[in-house]
């Protein structure tokens, strides 16, 4: 994807193969707008009144405006969209088509464990075959779309001002699309049948007792480890999670609250990093982490196959269209088409709900 890497210390996990998701022909989109604009406005009194004499001037103005707008869309990653920018999870279009109505995937676990830790005589086969227990899951694809309008008078004004306004308009379109995708990936939308991470069926769930934004470090540390132990002590023998995703106020408290076990003076975050494999990721959206608007924290391991978002269309700019309501407007949409979140091993994820403990947003 033509975006900068997310600010998480990790590269973006975009597993995309559809050329339309990777390298769109933006010159063609700009040409389409230019042709449409020249046809709509080339011989109008309004165009003449603004100094545009002939279709070619209209076309040039519209092409430059659209190019600046599209450059704004793909200037960089949207800020603080750690889920939608692929910084922790994998966003993929593999195995899915825009023509699909449904997505099927499987949550799996090992069954028929070994006998005697796999020890067997040299000339004898093992007593038991290792199997795989799977549960099929289904979800419907949904389109997420955002619209920007390119108005004739707006583009004429942008021509005089150097097109900065159109670039910013593209930036805002991109940001809003990614922010909404980020929320859908984090929390889903139950009424649409879209699963998010924080309310995904089967993950570990813990209701916090202490306030991780104000409580003493020792109290938080004990509860922090209780959440990790839900994953570590599960029957599937999951490894210790590698990431804790926190909201802004909770992360600030972890960074500044002093912790001195055994006389070692340090912050809570420094102590955790020194004595575990946990890394911290900031997501300001954790202030309303689930579909109930509760603040919380997430523990998980950023395995490429653990959490996936299957999107046969992802942040794809669509062809321009004439506005049915306003003859002086051309519209452009940006689409993603996805079926929510797929977690292949729910025992590797734990959500801590901070609502009952008074976590502040």
Protein backbone atom coordinates (compact mmCIF):
# COMPACT_ATOMS: atom_id res chain seq x y z
CA UNK A 1 0.00 0.00 0.00
CA UNK A 2 1.26 3.52 -0.70
CA UNK A 3 1.24 4.58 2.94
CA UNK A 4 3.87 5.19 5.58
CA UNK A 5 4.47 2.52 8.20
CA UNK A 6 2.35 2.86 11.36
CA UNK A 7 3.96 4.47 14.38
CA UNK A 8 4.05 1.28 16.45
CA UNK A 9 7.56 0.03 15.76
CA UNK A 10 6.12 -2.57 13.41
CA UNK A 11 5.59 -2.58 9.69
CA UNK A 12 2.06 -2.56 8.30
CA UNK A 13 0.60 -6.04 7.81
CA UNK A 14 -1.16 -5.58 4.52
CA UNK A 15 -1.41 -8.95 2.79
CA UNK A 16 -3.08 -7.54 -0.32
CA UNK A 17 -2.78 -8.96 -3.85
CA UNK A 18 -5.63 -7.22 -5.69
CA UNK A 19 -3.96 -4.51 -7.83
CA UNK A 20 -6.86 -2.17 -7.15
CA UNK A 21 -5.97 -2.32 -3.44
CA UNK A 22 -2.28 -1.70 -4.07
CA UNK A 23 -1.70 0.66 -6.97
CA UNK A 24 -4.74 2.34 -8.43
CA UNK A 25 -4.58 4.36 -11.64
CA UNK A 26 -5.21 7.76 -10.07
CA UNK A 27 -4.34 9.53 -13.33
CA UNK A 28 -7.32 7.82 -14.91
CA UNK A 29 -9.61 9.02 -12.11
CA UNK A 30 -8.37 12.59 -12.56
CA UNK A 31 -8.94 12.35 -16.32
CA UNK A 32 -12.48 11.09 -15.75
CA UNK A 33 -13.24 14.07 -13.51
CA UNK A 34 -11.75 16.44 -16.10
CA UNK A 35 -13.87 14.99 -18.90
CA UNK A 36 -17.00 15.08 -16.76
CA UNK A 37 -16.35 18.66 -15.62
CA UNK A 38 -15.70 19.92 -19.17
CA UNK A 39 -18.92 18.33 -20.38
CA UNK A 40 -20.99 19.69 -17.48
CA UNK A 41 -19.63 23.21 -17.12
CA UNK A 42 -17.67 24.09 -20.26
CA UNK A 43 -20.25 26.34 -21.91
CA UNK A 44 -22.07 27.74 -18.88
CA UNK A 45 -22.35 31.44 -17.95
CA UNK A 46 -20.93 30.61 -14.50
CA UNK A 47 -17.74 29.26 -16.06
CA UNK A 48 -17.37 32.31 -18.29
CA UNK A 49 -17.99 34.61 -15.35
CA UNK A 50 -15.07 33.03 -13.48
CA UNK A 51 -12.74 33.44 -16.44
CA UNK A 52 -12.91 29.91 -17.87
CA UNK A 53 -13.17 30.16 -21.65
CA UNK A 54 -13.43 26.76 -23.28
CA UNK A 55 -13.59 23.16 -22.15
CA UNK A 56 -9.82 22.75 -21.90
CA UNK A 57 -9.48 25.30 -19.10
CA UNK A 58 -12.26 23.62 -17.15
CA UNK A 59 -10.63 20.23 -17.69
CA UNK A 60 -7.20 21.42 -16.53
CA UNK A 61 -8.63 23.04 -13.40
CA UNK A 62 -10.63 19.92 -12.52
CA UNK A 63 -7.73 17.54 -13.21
CA UNK A 64 -5.37 19.51 -10.97
CA UNK A 65 -7.97 19.72 -8.19
CA UNK A 66 -8.64 15.97 -8.29
CA UNK A 67 -4.93 15.13 -8.36
CA UNK A 68 -4.33 17.29 -5.28
CA UNK A 69 -7.29 15.68 -3.50
CA UNK A 70 -6.04 12.15 -4.23
CA UNK A 71 -2.54 13.06 -3.10
CA UNK A 72 -4.12 14.09 0.19
CA UNK A 73 -5.87 10.73 0.51
CA UNK A 74 -2.61 8.80 0.25
CA UNK A 75 -0.23 11.20 1.95
CA UNK A 76 0.41 8.96 4.96
CA UNK A 77 -1.22 6.67 7.49
CA UNK A 78 -4.15 8.15 9.39
CA UNK A 79 -3.07 9.05 12.91
CA UNK A 80 -3.75 6.59 15.74
CA UNK A 81 -5.49 3.91 13.71
CA UNK A 82 -3.42 1.03 15.03
CA UNK A 83 -5.95 -1.59 13.86
CA UNK A 84 -6.88 -0.26 10.42
CA UNK A 85 -3.28 0.57 9.51
CA UNK A 86 -2.18 -3.04 9.93
CA UNK A 87 0.22 -2.27 12.77
CA UNK A 88 -0.90 -5.19 14.97
CA UNK A 89 -3.24 -7.37 12.92
CA UNK A 90 -3.21 -8.61 9.33
CA UNK A 91 -5.47 -7.02 6.71
CA UNK A 92 -5.80 -9.32 3.71
CA UNK A 93 -7.77 -9.79 0.52
CA UNK A 94 -6.53 -13.36 0.08
CA UNK A 95 -9.18 -15.96 -0.70
CA UNK A 96 -12.03 -13.45 -0.99
CA UNK A 97 -13.73 -11.71 -3.89
CA UNK A 98 -15.81 -8.57 -4.00
CA UNK A 99 -18.59 -10.80 -5.39
CA UNK A 100 -18.73 -12.92 -2.21
CA UNK A 101 -21.71 -12.46 0.08
CA UNK A 102 -20.34 -14.46 2.99
CA UNK A 103 -17.00 -15.39 4.53
CA UNK A 104 -16.29 -18.76 6.14
CA UNK A 105 -13.30 -19.42 8.39
CA UNK A 106 -12.39 -21.90 11.11
CA UNK A 107 -11.35 -21.53 14.69
CA UNK A 108 -9.08 -24.47 15.45
CA UNK A 109 -7.38 -26.28 18.28
CA UNK A 110 -5.33 -29.44 18.67
CA UNK A 111 -7.10 -32.59 19.83
CA UNK A 112 -5.89 -36.11 20.73
CA UNK A 113 -2.74 -35.14 22.58
CA UNK A 114 0.28 -37.42 22.77
CA UNK A 115 0.74 -40.42 25.04
CA UNK A 116 3.90 -40.71 27.14
CA UNK A 117 5.10 -37.39 25.68
CA UNK A 118 5.52 -38.99 22.30
CA UNK A 119 7.95 -41.71 23.41
CA UNK A 120 7.53 -44.86 21.33
CA UNK A 121 9.66 -47.83 20.32
CA UNK A 122 11.68 -47.48 17.11
CA UNK A 123 9.67 -50.07 15.22
CA UNK A 124 6.23 -49.07 16.53
CA UNK A 125 3.86 -46.31 15.37
CA UNK A 126 2.49 -43.78 17.88
CA UNK A 127 -0.62 -44.93 19.69
CA UNK A 128 -2.64 -41.86 18.85
CA UNK A 129 -2.89 -39.56 15.81
CA UNK A 130 -2.83 -35.86 16.46
CA UNK A 131 -6.02 -34.29 15.19
CA UNK A 132 -7.46 -30.86 14.65
CA UNK A 133 -10.74 -29.75 16.13
CA UNK A 134 -12.28 -26.91 14.16
CA UNK A 135 -15.40 -24.82 14.48
CA UNK A 136 -16.68 -23.14 11.31
CA UNK A 137 -17.63 -19.48 11.57
CA UNK A 138 -19.50 -17.28 9.11
CA UNK A 139 -19.93 -13.56 8.54
CA UNK A 140 -21.49 -11.37 5.86
CA UNK A 141 -19.51 -8.82 3.89
CA UNK A 142 -20.40 -5.17 4.35
CA UNK A 143 -19.38 -2.06 2.44
CA UNK A 144 -17.87 0.86 4.36
CA UNK A 145 -18.00 3.99 2.18
CA UNK A 146 -17.24 7.68 2.57
CA UNK A 147 -17.98 10.45 0.10
CA UNK A 148 -16.25 13.68 -0.91
CA UNK A 149 -17.75 16.35 -3.17
CA UNK A 150 -15.80 18.30 -5.78
CA UNK A 151 -17.76 21.50 -6.44
CA UNK A 152 -17.14 23.68 -9.49
CA UNK A 153 -16.79 26.92 -7.56
CA UNK A 154 -14.70 25.20 -4.87
CA UNK A 155 -12.24 23.90 -7.48
CA UNK A 156 -12.10 27.32 -9.15
CA UNK A 157 -11.19 28.88 -5.81
CA UNK A 158 -8.62 26.13 -5.21
CA UNK A 159 -6.94 26.96 -8.51
CA UNK A 160 -6.26 30.48 -7.31
CA UNK A 161 -5.01 29.27 -3.90
CA UNK A 162 -2.67 26.51 -5.12
CA UNK A 163 -4.97 23.54 -4.53
CA UNK A 164 -4.03 23.14 -0.84
CA UNK A 165 -7.71 23.11 0.07
CA UNK A 166 -8.32 20.10 -2.16
CA UNK A 167 -5.37 18.23 -0.70
CA UNK A 168 -6.69 18.79 2.83
CA UNK A 169 -10.12 17.60 1.70
CA UNK A 170 -8.53 14.34 0.55
CA UNK A 171 -6.74 14.01 3.89
CA UNK A 172 -10.00 14.38 5.78
CA UNK A 173 -11.71 11.77 3.60
CA UNK A 174 -8.88 9.33 4.22
CA UNK A 175 -8.79 9.99 7.99
CA UNK A 176 -12.53 9.52 8.45
CA UNK A 177 -12.55 6.28 6.49
CA UNK A 178 -9.64 4.84 8.47
CA UNK A 179 -11.01 6.01 11.82
CA UNK A 180 -14.35 4.31 11.16
CA UNK A 181 -12.60 1.15 9.95
CA UNK A 182 -10.46 1.25 13.09
CA UNK A 183 -13.55 1.38 15.31
CA UNK A 184 -15.26 -1.42 13.40
CA UNK A 185 -12.18 -3.65 13.69
CA UNK A 186 -11.78 -2.90 17.40
CA UNK A 187 -15.42 -3.16 18.49
CA UNK A 188 -17.45 -4.42 15.53
CA UNK A 189 -21.12 -3.61 15.06
CA UNK A 190 -23.46 -6.29 16.45
CA UNK A 191 -26.57 -4.99 14.68
CA UNK A 192 -24.79 -5.55 11.36
CA UNK A 193 -23.40 -8.91 12.42
CA UNK A 194 -19.80 -7.63 12.34
CA UNK A 195 -17.47 -9.04 14.99
CA UNK A 196 -14.84 -6.80 16.54
CA UNK A 197 -11.88 -7.82 18.69
CA UNK A 198 -13.11 -6.60 22.07
CA UNK A 199 -16.47 -8.37 21.86
CA UNK A 200 -15.41 -11.41 19.86
CA UNK A 201 -17.14 -14.58 21.17
CA UNK A 202 -14.83 -16.89 23.10
CA UNK A 203 -11.94 -14.57 23.98
CA UNK A 204 -10.90 -14.28 27.62
CA UNK A 205 -12.77 -11.55 29.49
CA UNK A 206 -11.94 -9.87 32.79
CA UNK A 207 -13.80 -7.08 34.57
CA UNK A 208 -11.25 -4.79 36.20
CA UNK A 209 -11.43 -4.18 39.95
CA UNK A 210 -8.88 -1.34 40.20
CA UNK A 211 -8.62 1.85 38.20
CA UNK A 212 -5.57 1.50 35.95
CA UNK A 213 -5.45 5.26 35.51
CA UNK A 214 -5.18 6.25 39.18
CA UNK A 215 -4.57 3.24 41.47
CA UNK A 216 -1.28 2.38 43.16
CA UNK A 217 1.22 0.52 41.01
CA UNK A 218 1.24 -2.65 43.10
CA UNK A 219 -2.53 -3.08 42.88
CA UNK A 220 -2.50 -2.54 39.12
CA UNK A 221 0.45 -4.89 38.66
CA UNK A 222 -1.34 -7.76 40.40
CA UNK A 223 -4.46 -7.33 38.28
CA UNK A 224 -2.34 -6.87 35.15
CA UNK A 225 -0.81 -10.30 35.77
CA UNK A 226 -4.21 -11.84 36.44
CA UNK A 227 -5.23 -10.87 32.90
CA UNK A 228 -2.05 -12.38 31.46
CA UNK A 229 -2.58 -15.56 33.47
CA UNK A 230 -6.01 -16.05 31.88
CA UNK A 231 -4.16 -16.61 28.60
CA UNK A 232 -1.04 -18.27 29.95
CA UNK A 233 -2.89 -20.77 32.14
CA UNK A 234 -5.47 -21.81 29.57
CA UNK A 235 -5.73 -25.47 28.61
CA UNK A 236 -4.20 -24.85 25.20
CA UNK A 237 -0.93 -23.73 26.87
CA UNK A 238 -0.80 -20.39 25.11
CA UNK A 239 2.42 -18.37 25.38
CA UNK A 240 2.51 -15.14 27.33
CA UNK A 241 0.94 -12.32 25.29
CA UNK A 242 3.33 -9.82 23.75
CA UNK A 243 1.18 -6.69 23.53
CA UNK A 244 -1.01 -4.71 25.89
CA UNK A 245 -3.13 -2.07 24.15
CA UNK A 246 -4.06 0.79 26.48
CA UNK A 247 -5.95 4.06 26.27
CA UNK A 248 -4.19 7.38 26.71
CA UNK A 249 -4.89 8.00 30.40
CA UNK A 250 -4.08 4.46 31.46
CA UNK A 251 -0.87 4.48 29.39
CA UNK A 252 0.21 7.79 30.94
CA UNK A 253 -0.32 6.36 34.43
CA UNK A 254 1.76 3.27 33.59
CA UNK A 255 4.55 5.54 32.34
CA UNK A 256 4.62 7.82 35.39
CA UNK A 257 3.43 5.80 38.40
CA UNK A 258 6.44 4.79 40.49
CA UNK A 259 6.94 1.15 41.41
CA UNK A 260 9.61 -0.01 43.84
CA UNK A 261 9.42 -3.76 44.53
CA UNK A 262 12.54 -4.90 46.34
CA UNK A 263 13.79 -1.33 46.57
CA UNK A 264 14.12 -0.91 42.79
CA UNK A 265 12.81 2.53 41.94
CA UNK A 266 11.24 2.54 38.48
CA UNK A 267 7.95 3.23 36.72
CA UNK A 268 5.29 0.56 36.41
CA UNK A 269 5.77 0.36 32.63
CA UNK A 270 9.55 0.02 32.91
CA UNK A 271 9.20 -2.71 35.51
CA UNK A 272 6.72 -4.69 33.38
CA UNK A 273 8.93 -4.43 30.29
CA UNK A 274 11.97 -5.55 32.28
CA UNK A 275 10.24 -8.58 33.78
CA UNK A 276 7.99 -9.83 30.96
CA UNK A 277 7.68 -10.01 27.19
CA UNK A 278 4.96 -7.36 27.16
CA UNK A 279 5.19 -4.30 24.92
CA UNK A 280 2.72 -1.41 25.16
CA UNK A 281 0.70 0.09 22.32
CA UNK A 282 -1.31 3.28 22.64
CA UNK A 283 -4.79 3.38 21.14
CA UNK A 284 -6.80 6.42 22.16
CA UNK A 285 -9.93 4.58 21.00
CA UNK A 286 -9.63 2.22 23.98
CA UNK A 287 -11.49 4.89 25.95
CA UNK A 288 -14.62 3.37 24.37
CA UNK A 289 -13.22 -0.01 23.47
CA UNK A 290 -16.34 -2.13 23.05
CA UNK A 291 -19.80 -1.68 21.59
CA UNK A 292 -21.12 -0.57 25.01
CA UNK A 293 -18.67 2.33 25.11
CA UNK A 294 -16.67 0.87 27.99
CA UNK A 295 -12.97 1.75 28.39
CA UNK A 296 -10.61 -1.20 28.50
CA UNK A 297 -7.33 -2.90 27.67
CA UNK A 298 -6.44 -5.70 25.27
CA UNK A 299 -3.80 -8.42 25.64
CA UNK A 300 -2.71 -10.40 22.59
CA UNK A 301 0.19 -11.75 20.58
CA UNK A 302 0.66 -10.05 17.18
CA UNK A 303 0.89 -13.29 15.22
CA UNK A 304 0.12 -12.75 11.51
CA UNK A 305 -2.43 -15.56 11.61
CA UNK A 306 -4.06 -14.85 14.96
CA UNK A 307 -6.32 -11.92 14.03
CA UNK A 308 -7.23 -11.16 10.42
CA UNK A 309 -9.48 -8.71 8.64
CA UNK A 310 -10.47 -10.04 5.24
CA UNK A 311 -11.17 -7.16 2.87
CA UNK A 312 -11.39 -7.88 -0.88
CA UNK A 313 -11.68 -4.08 -1.25
CA UNK A 314 -9.65 -1.92 1.15
CA UNK A 315 -9.48 1.90 1.12
CA UNK A 316 -10.14 1.88 -2.62
CA UNK A 317 -10.94 5.12 -4.45
CA UNK A 318 -13.93 4.72 -6.76
CA UNK A 319 -14.68 6.30 -10.12
CA UNK A 320 -16.20 9.81 -10.02
CA UNK A 321 -19.95 10.21 -10.30
CA UNK A 322 -22.25 13.10 -11.09
CA UNK A 323 -24.32 14.29 -8.17
CA UNK A 324 -28.03 13.67 -8.66
CA UNK A 325 -28.96 16.60 -6.41
CA UNK A 326 -26.54 19.30 -7.50
CA UNK A 327 -25.44 19.88 -11.10
CA UNK A 328 -22.37 21.80 -9.88
CA UNK A 329 -20.93 18.87 -7.93
CA UNK A 330 -18.94 15.74 -8.82
CA UNK A 331 -18.62 13.05 -6.13
CA UNK A 332 -15.87 10.52 -5.36
CA UNK A 333 -16.19 7.70 -2.82
CA UNK A 334 -13.63 5.60 -0.96
CA UNK A 335 -14.65 2.02 -0.13
CA UNK A 336 -13.68 -0.89 2.03
CA UNK A 337 -15.59 -4.16 1.79
CA UNK A 338 -15.06 -6.54 4.69
CA UNK A 339 -16.64 -9.10 6.99
CA UNK A 340 -15.39 -7.98 10.38
CA UNK A 341 -12.64 -9.68 12.36
CA UNK A 342 -11.59 -13.33 12.25
CA UNK A 343 -9.72 -14.68 15.31
CA UNK A 344 -8.37 -18.16 14.71
CA UNK A 345 -7.41 -18.82 18.34
CA UNK A 346 -9.65 -17.04 20.83
CA UNK A 347 -7.64 -18.26 23.84
CA UNK A 348 -4.77 -15.98 22.81
CA UNK A 349 -6.74 -12.77 23.41
CA UNK A 350 -7.96 -11.17 26.64
CA UNK A 351 -10.11 -8.05 27.04
CA UNK A 352 -10.11 -6.18 30.35
CA UNK A 353 -13.30 -4.15 30.82
CA UNK A 354 -12.63 -1.06 32.93
CA UNK A 355 -16.20 0.24 33.24
CA UNK A 356 -16.99 -1.21 36.66
CA UNK A 357 -13.67 0.06 38.08
CA UNK A 358 -14.32 3.60 36.95
CA UNK A 359 -11.73 3.87 34.24
CA UNK A 360 -12.01 7.37 32.80
CA UNK A 361 -12.12 8.05 29.12
